[in-house]
Amino acid sequence: MLQHPQIDPVAIAIGPLKIHWYGLTYLFGFVAGWWLGRLRTRKPWSPINEEQMGDLLFYLALGVILGGRFGYVLFYNFDAFLADPLWLLRVWEGGMSFHGGLLGVMLAMWWYGRKVGSGFWRMADFVAPLVPLGLGAGRIGNFINGELWGKPTDVAWGMVFRTAPDSLARHPSQLYQFALEGVALFVILWWFSSRQRPTMAVSGLFLVCYGVFRFLVEFVRQPDPQLGYLAFDWLTMGQVLSFPMIVAGAALMFIAYRRQAR
């Protein structure tokens, strides 16, 4: 049985100014995405050039932050927002939804794609491989904050979280998600997109892989206390939101390769 390392969620404090680890993980994700994006602009099929990557990152950052926060409020904790509307602005306290962030990023890609005269799916295929490192960094932020821990377990790597309501060893589900949504998803997408694929194929693979990884981890992750299980004593909101991603991603890949075969 392991003990969760009690890390101060504030990385740097200078007087009243406090910089949280959670915020730094987002910064890392954006910087990594910008750097990887500049590499991808050198591909002959890139929808943007290297100089446009900075502008695209600005739109994506807005989509991630606004979509992620509003998505969390809408999907997971609308009652908390009604009780304290200013809670919506306290992003450093945690409470971001990947599925909301995905919708925000999709809107940002559509908006910027129109601005530069690129189709939505070409832009989506370009952006998809840039996302996993940011997702993985965010899960490390969750781990540092001691939030989103897993269910009680007796596995050797079970971890006691001081933020949990008991002293039970639990699955470190944040680290599982870091390994799957961050590392594995990045490797798969970076390899798959290293050569030109049919339009929509990279986006479809992203949706399938993330949806499957998230659906599986939800079986060992503690559901949000304000929601609990939605049905069958195992179905969570994360699974409900991930299943359509798997179906949509598979459909996109089918359509992409069927068009290519014509």
C-alpha atoms as a PDB file:
ATOM      1  CA  MET A   1       0.000   0.000   0.000  1.00  0.00           C
ATOM      2  CA  LEU A   2       1.368   3.392  -1.019  1.00  0.00           C
ATOM      3  CA  GLN A   3       0.782   6.851   0.406  1.00  0.00           C
ATOM      4  CA  HIS A   4      -0.114   9.686  -1.911  1.00  0.00           C
ATOM      5  CA  PRO A   5       2.736  12.212  -1.768  1.00  0.00           C
ATOM      6  CA  GLN A   6       1.327  15.341  -0.154  1.00  0.00           C
ATOM      7  CA  ILE A   7       2.440  17.982  -2.640  1.00  0.00           C
ATOM      8  CA  ASP A   8       1.522  21.607  -2.092  1.00  0.00           C
ATOM      9  CA  PRO A   9      -0.849  22.471  -4.971  1.00  0.00           C
ATOM     10  CA  VAL A  10       0.808  25.915  -5.070  1.00  0.00           C
ATOM     11  CA  ALA A  11       4.058  25.639  -7.008  1.00  0.00           C
ATOM     12  CA  ILE A  12       5.214  29.231  -6.549  1.00  0.00           C
ATOM     13  CA  ALA A  13       3.973  31.869  -4.116  1.00  0.00           C
ATOM     14  CA  ILE A  14       5.208  35.457  -4.336  1.00  0.00           C
ATOM     15  CA  GLY A  15       3.239  37.523  -1.868  1.00  0.00           C
ATOM     16  CA  PRO A  16      -0.426  37.338  -2.875  1.00  0.00           C
ATOM     17  CA  LEU A  17       0.515  35.847  -6.255  1.00  0.00           C
ATOM     18  CA  LYS A  18       0.116  32.062  -6.298  1.00  0.00           C
ATOM     19  CA  ILE A  19       0.933  29.843  -9.239  1.00  0.00           C
ATOM     20  CA  HIS A  20      -0.657  26.404  -8.973  1.00  0.00           C
ATOM     21  CA  TRP A  21       0.768  23.184 -10.359  1.00  0.00           C
ATOM     22  CA  TYR A  22      -2.572  22.619 -12.055  1.00  0.00           C
ATOM     23  CA  GLY A  23      -2.118  25.818 -14.034  1.00  0.00           C
ATOM     24  CA  LEU A  24       1.458  24.887 -14.916  1.00  0.00           C
ATOM     25  CA  THR A  25       0.317  21.572 -16.348  1.00  0.00           C
ATOM     26  CA  TYR A  26      -2.014  23.461 -18.670  1.00  0.00           C
ATOM     27  CA  LEU A  27       0.852  25.768 -19.637  1.00  0.00           C
ATOM     28  CA  PHE A  28       3.000  22.739 -20.422  1.00  0.00           C
ATOM     29  CA  GLY A  29       0.218  21.281 -22.567  1.00  0.00           C
ATOM     30  CA  PHE A  30      -0.129  24.485 -24.581  1.00  0.00           C
ATOM     31  CA  VAL A  31       3.642  24.899 -25.061  1.00  0.00           C
ATOM     32  CA  ALA A  32       4.041  21.243 -26.057  1.00  0.00           C
ATOM     33  CA  GLY A  33       1.130  21.558 -28.482  1.00  0.00           C
ATOM     34  CA  TRP A  34       2.647  24.705 -30.009  1.00  0.00           C
ATOM     35  CA  TRP A  35       6.041  23.031 -30.473  1.00  0.00           C
ATOM     36  CA  LEU A  36       4.599  19.844 -31.930  1.00  0.00           C
ATOM     37  CA  GLY A  37       2.296  21.883 -34.144  1.00  0.00           C
ATOM     38  CA  ARG A  38       5.249  23.762 -35.619  1.00  0.00           C
ATOM     39  CA  LEU A  39       6.794  20.413 -36.504  1.00  0.00           C
ATOM     40  CA  ARG A  40       3.569  19.258 -38.136  1.00  0.00           C
ATOM     41  CA  THR A  41       3.269  22.430 -40.236  1.00  0.00           C
ATOM     42  CA  ARG A  42       6.279  21.150 -42.191  1.00  0.00           C
ATOM     43  CA  LYS A  43       4.191  18.310 -43.576  1.00  0.00           C
ATOM     44  CA  PRO A  44       3.095  19.049 -47.162  1.00  0.00           C
ATOM     45  CA  TRP A  45      -0.539  18.340 -46.248  1.00  0.00           C
ATOM     46  CA  SER A  46      -0.618  20.758 -43.274  1.00  0.00           C
ATOM     47  CA  PRO A  47      -3.610  23.156 -43.414  1.00  0.00           C
ATOM     48  CA  ILE A  48      -1.560  26.018 -41.896  1.00  0.00           C
ATOM     49  CA  ASN A  49       1.999  27.302 -42.043  1.00  0.00           C
ATOM     50  CA  GLU A  50       4.483  27.652 -39.199  1.00  0.00           C
ATOM     51  CA  GLU A  51       3.721  31.328 -38.577  1.00  0.00           C
ATOM     52  CA  GLN A  52       0.002  30.610 -38.133  1.00  0.00           C
ATOM     53  CA  MET A  53       0.581  28.084 -35.331  1.00  0.00           C
ATOM     54  CA  GLY A  54       0.655  30.801 -32.664  1.00  0.00           C
ATOM     55  CA  ASP A  55      -2.741  32.132 -33.745  1.00  0.00           C
ATOM     56  CA  LEU A  56      -4.218  28.637 -33.824  1.00  0.00           C
ATOM     57  CA  LEU A  57      -2.908  27.973 -30.320  1.00  0.00           C
ATOM     58  CA  PHE A  58      -4.693  31.086 -29.032  1.00  0.00           C
ATOM     59  CA  TYR A  59      -8.024  29.863 -30.406  1.00  0.00           C
ATOM     60  CA  LEU A  60      -7.442  26.347 -29.063  1.00  0.00           C
ATOM     61  CA  ALA A  61      -6.519  27.646 -25.603  1.00  0.00           C
ATOM     62  CA  LEU A  62      -9.776  29.586 -25.439  1.00  0.00           C
ATOM     63  CA  GLY A  63     -11.683  26.495 -26.524  1.00  0.00           C
ATOM     64  CA  VAL A  64      -9.998  24.285 -23.919  1.00  0.00           C
ATOM     65  CA  ILE A  65     -10.441  26.644 -20.966  1.00  0.00           C
ATOM     66  CA  LEU A  66     -13.918  27.962 -21.707  1.00  0.00           C
ATOM     67  CA  GLY A  67     -15.280  24.686 -23.032  1.00  0.00           C
ATOM     68  CA  GLY A  68     -13.682  22.618 -20.277  1.00  0.00           C
ATOM     69  CA  ARG A  69     -15.036  24.811 -17.499  1.00  0.00           C
ATOM     70  CA  PHE A  70     -18.520  25.276 -18.914  1.00  0.00           C
ATOM     71  CA  GLY A  71     -18.647  21.574 -19.737  1.00  0.00           C
ATOM     72  CA  TYR A  72     -17.826  20.634 -16.151  1.00  0.00           C
ATOM     73  CA  VAL A  73     -20.547  22.944 -14.871  1.00  0.00           C
ATOM     74  CA  LEU A  74     -23.102  21.612 -17.347  1.00  0.00           C
ATOM     75  CA  PHE A  75     -22.284  17.899 -17.170  1.00  0.00           C
ATOM     76  CA  TYR A  76     -21.054  17.408 -13.618  1.00  0.00           C
ATOM     77  CA  ASN A  77     -21.791  20.172 -11.123  1.00  0.00           C
ATOM     78  CA  PHE A  78     -24.497  22.609 -12.187  1.00  0.00           C
ATOM     79  CA  ASP A  79     -25.814  22.797  -8.612  1.00  0.00           C
ATOM     80  CA  ALA A  80     -22.475  24.170  -7.356  1.00  0.00           C
ATOM     81  CA  PHE A  81     -22.630  26.909  -9.990  1.00  0.00           C
ATOM     82  CA  LEU A  82     -26.159  27.853  -8.966  1.00  0.00           C
ATOM     83  CA  ALA A  83     -25.080  28.043  -5.314  1.00  0.00           C
ATOM     84  CA  ASP A  84     -21.951  30.101  -6.070  1.00  0.00           C
ATOM     85  CA  PRO A  85     -21.782  31.569  -9.616  1.00  0.00           C
ATOM     86  CA  LEU A  86     -18.257  32.939  -9.011  1.00  0.00           C
ATOM     87  CA  TRP A  87     -17.058  29.339  -8.603  1.00  0.00           C
ATOM     88  CA  LEU A  88     -17.159  29.205 -12.406  1.00  0.00           C
ATOM     89  CA  LEU A  89     -14.130  31.534 -12.496  1.00  0.00           C
ATOM     90  CA  ARG A  90     -11.995  29.686  -9.906  1.00  0.00           C
ATOM     91  CA  VAL A  91     -10.421  27.314 -12.425  1.00  0.00           C
ATOM     92  CA  TRP A  92      -7.371  26.740 -10.195  1.00  0.00           C
ATOM     93  CA  GLU A  93      -9.580  24.792  -7.789  1.00  0.00           C
ATOM     94  CA  GLY A  94     -10.061  22.118 -10.427  1.00  0.00           C
ATOM     95  CA  GLY A  95     -13.223  21.128 -12.194  1.00  0.00           C
ATOM     96  CA  MET A  96     -12.585  20.859 -15.929  1.00  0.00           C
ATOM     97  CA  SER A  97     -14.391  18.497 -18.270  1.00  0.00           C
ATOM     98  CA  PHE A  98     -12.540  16.876 -21.161  1.00  0.00           C
ATOM     99  CA  HIS A  99     -15.773  16.442 -23.099  1.00  0.00           C
ATOM    100  CA  GLY A 100     -16.632  20.115 -22.635  1.00  0.00           C
ATOM    101  CA  GLY A 101     -13.094  21.059 -23.653  1.00  0.00           C
ATOM    102  CA  LEU A 102     -13.453  18.892 -26.757  1.00  0.00           C
ATOM    103  CA  LEU A 103     -16.580  20.782 -27.797  1.00  0.00           C
ATOM    104  CA  GLY A 104     -14.766  24.063 -27.161  1.00  0.00           C
ATOM    105  CA  VAL A 105     -11.795  22.971 -29.263  1.00  0.00           C
ATOM    106  CA  MET A 106     -14.084  21.828 -32.074  1.00  0.00           C
ATOM    107  CA  LEU A 107     -15.706  25.250 -32.138  1.00  0.00           C
ATOM    108  CA  ALA A 108     -12.269  26.912 -32.078  1.00  0.00           C
ATOM    109  CA  MET A 109     -11.037  24.756 -34.982  1.00  0.00           C
ATOM    110  CA  TRP A 110     -14.135  25.564 -37.026  1.00  0.00           C
ATOM    111  CA  TRP A 111     -13.730  29.273 -36.298  1.00  0.00           C
ATOM    112  CA  TYR A 112     -10.032  29.423 -37.124  1.00  0.00           C
ATOM    113  CA  GLY A 113     -10.441  27.093 -40.106  1.00  0.00           C
ATOM    114  CA  ARG A 114     -12.924  29.497 -41.634  1.00  0.00           C
ATOM    115  CA  LYS A 115     -10.525  32.371 -40.999  1.00  0.00           C
ATOM    116  CA  VAL A 116      -7.662  30.733 -42.904  1.00  0.00           C
ATOM    117  CA  GLY A 117      -9.828  29.020 -45.521  1.00  0.00           C
ATOM    118  CA  SER A 118      -9.244  25.471 -44.331  1.00  0.00           C
ATOM    119  CA  GLY A 119     -11.902  22.797 -43.962  1.00  0.00           C
ATOM    120  CA  PHE A 120     -12.915  21.728 -40.458  1.00  0.00           C
ATOM    121  CA  TRP A 121     -11.773  18.108 -40.807  1.00  0.00           C
ATOM    122  CA  ARG A 122      -8.362  19.004 -42.207  1.00  0.00           C
ATOM    123  CA  MET A 123      -7.873  21.266 -39.205  1.00  0.00           C
ATOM    124  CA  ALA A 124      -9.151  18.596 -36.812  1.00  0.00           C
ATOM    125  CA  ASP A 125      -6.766  15.994 -38.254  1.00  0.00           C
ATOM    126  CA  PHE A 126      -3.916  18.448 -37.779  1.00  0.00           C
ATOM    127  CA  VAL A 127      -4.798  19.258 -34.155  1.00  0.00           C
ATOM    128  CA  ALA A 128      -5.670  15.765 -32.859  1.00  0.00           C
ATOM    129  CA  PRO A 129      -2.061  14.516 -32.373  1.00  0.00           C
ATOM    130  CA  LEU A 130      -1.195  17.711 -30.449  1.00  0.00           C
ATOM    131  CA  VAL A 131      -3.764  17.067 -27.729  1.00  0.00           C
ATOM    132  CA  PRO A 132      -2.599  13.960 -25.772  1.00  0.00           C
ATOM    133  CA  LEU A 133       0.447  15.497 -24.081  1.00  0.00           C
ATOM    134  CA  GLY A 134      -1.785  18.219 -22.679  1.00  0.00           C
ATOM    135  CA  LEU A 135      -4.287  15.618 -21.497  1.00  0.00           C
ATOM    136  CA  GLY A 136      -1.518  13.665 -19.789  1.00  0.00           C
ATOM    137  CA  ALA A 137      -0.162  16.791 -18.117  1.00  0.00           C
ATOM    138  CA  GLY A 138      -3.641  17.604 -16.822  1.00  0.00           C
ATOM    139  CA  ARG A 139      -3.888  14.159 -15.223  1.00  0.00           C
ATOM    140  CA  ILE A 140      -0.596  14.783 -13.442  1.00  0.00           C
ATOM    141  CA  GLY A 141      -2.189  17.991 -12.152  1.00  0.00           C
ATOM    142  CA  ASN A 142      -5.145  15.949 -10.869  1.00  0.00           C
ATOM    143  CA  PHE A 143      -2.702  13.592  -9.123  1.00  0.00           C
ATOM    144  CA  ILE A 144      -0.814  16.460  -7.479  1.00  0.00           C
ATOM    145  CA  ASN A 145      -4.103  17.925  -6.246  1.00  0.00           C
ATOM    146  CA  GLY A 146      -5.133  14.523  -4.898  1.00  0.00           C
ATOM    147  CA  GLU A 147      -8.416  14.619  -6.817  1.00  0.00           C
ATOM    148  CA  LEU A 148     -10.305  12.222  -9.090  1.00  0.00           C
ATOM    149  CA  TRP A 149      -8.900   9.181  -7.297  1.00  0.00           C
ATOM    150  CA  GLY A 150     -10.065   5.658  -7.986  1.00  0.00           C
ATOM    151  CA  LYS A 151     -12.118   3.059  -6.186  1.00  0.00           C
ATOM    152  CA  PRO A 152     -10.847   1.092  -3.164  1.00  0.00           C
ATOM    153  CA  THR A 153      -8.555  -1.760  -4.172  1.00  0.00           C
ATOM    154  CA  ASP A 154      -6.198  -4.383  -2.781  1.00  0.00           C
ATOM    155  CA  VAL A 155      -3.665  -4.249  -5.643  1.00  0.00           C
ATOM    156  CA  ALA A 156      -0.034  -3.763  -4.586  1.00  0.00           C
ATOM    157  CA  TRP A 157       0.101  -0.240  -6.013  1.00  0.00           C
ATOM    158  CA  GLY A 158      -3.080   0.892  -4.271  1.00  0.00           C
ATOM    159  CA  MET A 159      -2.637   4.373  -2.818  1.00  0.00           C
ATOM    160  CA  VAL A 160      -4.104   6.130   0.209  1.00  0.00           C
ATOM    161  CA  PHE A 161      -5.211   9.658  -0.666  1.00  0.00           C
ATOM    162  CA  ARG A 162      -5.412  12.122   2.209  1.00  0.00           C
ATOM    163  CA  THR A 163      -8.157  13.960   0.334  1.00  0.00           C
ATOM    164  CA  ALA A 164     -10.361  10.845   0.302  1.00  0.00           C
ATOM    165  CA  PRO A 165     -13.022  10.458   3.009  1.00  0.00           C
ATOM    166  CA  ASP A 166     -11.382   7.312   4.367  1.00  0.00           C
ATOM    167  CA  SER A 167      -8.007   5.596   4.749  1.00  0.00           C
ATOM    168  CA  LEU A 168      -8.605   2.939   2.111  1.00  0.00           C
ATOM    169  CA  ALA A 169      -6.059   2.150  -0.575  1.00  0.00           C
ATOM    170  CA  ARG A 170      -7.418   3.240  -3.940  1.00  0.00           C
ATOM    171  CA  HIS A 171      -6.547   2.928  -7.597  1.00  0.00           C
ATOM    172  CA  PRO A 172      -4.352   5.882  -8.647  1.00  0.00           C
ATOM    173  CA  SER A 173      -6.674   6.346 -11.613  1.00  0.00           C
ATOM    174  CA  GLN A 174      -5.129   9.705 -12.492  1.00  0.00           C
ATOM    175  CA  LEU A 175      -1.889   7.862 -13.336  1.00  0.00           C
ATOM    176  CA  TYR A 176      -3.786   5.271 -15.378  1.00  0.00           C
ATOM    177  CA  GLN A 177      -5.303   8.103 -17.385  1.00  0.00           C
ATOM    178  CA  PHE A 178      -1.909   9.772 -17.740  1.00  0.00           C
ATOM    179  CA  ALA A 179      -0.498   6.558 -19.199  1.00  0.00           C
ATOM    180  CA  LEU A 180      -3.446   5.921 -21.541  1.00  0.00           C
ATOM    181  CA  GLU A 181      -4.814   9.345 -22.507  1.00  0.00           C
ATOM    182  CA  GLY A 182      -1.406  10.993 -22.419  1.00  0.00           C
ATOM    183  CA  VAL A 183       1.400   8.624 -23.364  1.00  0.00           C
ATOM    184  CA  ALA A 184      -0.336   5.810 -25.271  1.00  0.00           C
ATOM    185  CA  LEU A 185      -2.702   8.097 -27.172  1.00  0.00           C
ATOM    186  CA  PHE A 186       0.168  10.388 -28.180  1.00  0.00           C
ATOM    187  CA  VAL A 187       2.284   7.503 -29.477  1.00  0.00           C
ATOM    188  CA  ILE A 188      -0.626   6.029 -31.455  1.00  0.00           C
ATOM    189  CA  LEU A 189      -1.698   9.314 -33.048  1.00  0.00           C
ATOM    190  CA  TRP A 190       1.807  10.621 -33.733  1.00  0.00           C
ATOM    191  CA  TRP A 191       2.704   7.377 -35.508  1.00  0.00           C
ATOM    192  CA  PHE A 192      -0.604   7.194 -37.400  1.00  0.00           C
ATOM    193  CA  SER A 193      -0.387  10.806 -38.581  1.00  0.00           C
ATOM    194  CA  SER A 194       3.286  10.598 -39.576  1.00  0.00           C
ATOM    195  CA  ARG A 195       2.139  10.084 -43.169  1.00  0.00           C
ATOM    196  CA  GLN A 196      -0.894  11.429 -44.975  1.00  0.00           C
ATOM    197  CA  ARG A 197      -4.154   9.687 -44.141  1.00  0.00           C
ATOM    198  CA  PRO A 198      -7.655  10.122 -45.589  1.00  0.00           C
ATOM    199  CA  THR A 199      -9.370  13.239 -44.271  1.00  0.00           C
ATOM    200  CA  MET A 200     -11.209  12.485 -40.995  1.00  0.00           C
ATOM    201  CA  ALA A 201      -9.178   9.318 -40.278  1.00  0.00           C
ATOM    202  CA  VAL A 202      -6.851  10.893 -37.684  1.00  0.00           C
ATOM    203  CA  SER A 203      -9.772  12.620 -35.966  1.00  0.00           C
ATOM    204  CA  GLY A 204     -11.720   9.368 -35.957  1.00  0.00           C
ATOM    205  CA  LEU A 205      -8.836   7.427 -34.412  1.00  0.00           C
ATOM    206  CA  PHE A 206      -8.487  10.069 -31.707  1.00  0.00           C
ATOM    207  CA  LEU A 207     -12.159   9.758 -30.773  1.00  0.00           C
ATOM    208  CA  VAL A 208     -12.084   5.952 -30.761  1.00  0.00           C
ATOM    209  CA  CYS A 209      -8.907   5.626 -28.688  1.00  0.00           C
ATOM    210  CA  TYR A 210      -9.761   8.308 -26.155  1.00  0.00           C
ATOM    211  CA  GLY A 211     -13.307   7.027 -25.812  1.00  0.00           C
ATOM    212  CA  VAL A 212     -12.152   3.445 -25.213  1.00  0.00           C
ATOM    213  CA  PHE A 213      -9.404   4.454 -22.765  1.00  0.00           C
ATOM    214  CA  ARG A 214     -11.728   6.699 -20.772  1.00  0.00           C
ATOM    215  CA  PHE A 215     -14.569   4.165 -20.779  1.00  0.00           C
ATOM    216  CA  LEU A 216     -12.265   1.478 -19.357  1.00  0.00           C
ATOM    217  CA  VAL A 217     -10.659   3.646 -16.669  1.00  0.00           C
ATOM    218  CA  GLU A 218     -14.096   4.706 -15.449  1.00  0.00           C
ATOM    219  CA  PHE A 219     -14.570   1.155 -14.118  1.00  0.00           C
ATOM    220  CA  VAL A 220     -11.863   1.788 -11.485  1.00  0.00           C
ATOM    221  CA  ARG A 221     -12.359   5.527 -11.010  1.00  0.00           C
ATOM    222  CA  GLN A 222     -14.560   6.817  -8.208  1.00  0.00           C
ATOM    223  CA  PRO A 223     -17.597   8.521  -9.750  1.00  0.00           C
ATOM    224  CA  ASP A 224     -18.203  12.176  -8.981  1.00  0.00           C
ATOM    225  CA  PRO A 225     -19.941  12.247  -5.575  1.00  0.00           C
ATOM    226  CA  GLN A 226     -22.632  14.672  -6.685  1.00  0.00           C
ATOM    227  CA  LEU A 227     -23.638  12.274  -9.491  1.00  0.00           C
ATOM    228  CA  GLY A 228     -22.675   8.759  -8.399  1.00  0.00           C
ATOM    229  CA  TYR A 229     -23.566   5.952 -10.778  1.00  0.00           C
ATOM    230  CA  LEU A 230     -26.186   6.795 -13.355  1.00  0.00           C
ATOM    231  CA  ALA A 231     -27.381   3.195 -13.862  1.00  0.00           C
ATOM    232  CA  PHE A 232     -26.589  -0.483 -13.197  1.00  0.00           C
ATOM    233  CA  ASP A 233     -24.321   0.413 -10.239  1.00  0.00           C
ATOM    234  CA  TRP A 234     -21.403   0.959 -12.641  1.00  0.00           C
ATOM    235  CA  LEU A 235     -22.373   3.393 -15.422  1.00  0.00           C
ATOM    236  CA  THR A 236     -20.786   6.824 -14.929  1.00  0.00           C
ATOM    237  CA  MET A 237     -21.224  10.162 -16.646  1.00  0.00           C
ATOM    238  CA  GLY A 238     -17.742   9.774 -18.139  1.00  0.00           C
ATOM    239  CA  GLN A 239     -18.838   6.543 -19.827  1.00  0.00           C
ATOM    240  CA  VAL A 240     -22.084   8.065 -21.056  1.00  0.00           C
ATOM    241  CA  LEU A 241     -20.131  10.901 -22.673  1.00  0.00           C
ATOM    242  CA  SER A 242     -17.378   8.636 -24.030  1.00  0.00           C
ATOM    243  CA  PHE A 243     -19.538   6.031 -25.756  1.00  0.00           C
ATOM    244  CA  PRO A 244     -20.792   8.439 -28.467  1.00  0.00           C
ATOM    245  CA  MET A 245     -17.148   9.388 -29.096  1.00  0.00           C
ATOM    246  CA  ILE A 246     -16.295   5.756 -29.862  1.00  0.00           C
ATOM    247  CA  VAL A 247     -19.261   5.392 -32.238  1.00  0.00           C
ATOM    248  CA  ALA A 248     -18.577   8.731 -33.952  1.00  0.00           C
ATOM    249  CA  GLY A 249     -14.871   7.994 -34.290  1.00  0.00           C
ATOM    250  CA  ALA A 250     -15.490   4.581 -35.837  1.00  0.00           C
ATOM    251  CA  ALA A 251     -17.984   6.148 -38.256  1.00  0.00           C
ATOM    252  CA  LEU A 252     -15.479   8.831 -39.275  1.00  0.00           C
ATOM    253  CA  MET A 253     -12.769   6.248 -39.991  1.00  0.00           C
ATOM    254  CA  PHE A 254     -15.201   4.100 -41.984  1.00  0.00           C
ATOM    255  CA  ILE A 255     -16.319   7.082 -44.079  1.00  0.00           C
ATOM    256  CA  ALA A 256     -12.723   8.296 -44.543  1.00  0.00           C
ATOM    257  CA  TYR A 257     -11.414   5.007 -45.918  1.00  0.00           C
ATOM    258  CA  ARG A 258     -14.539   4.282 -47.932  1.00  0.00           C
ATOM    259  CA  ARG A 259     -14.126   7.615 -49.710  1.00  0.00           C
ATOM    260  CA  GLN A 260     -10.484   6.831 -50.384  1.00  0.00           C
ATOM    261  CA  ALA A 261     -11.377   3.463 -51.895  1.00  0.00           C
ATOM    262  CA  ARG A 262     -13.704   5.019 -54.464  1.00  0.00           C
END
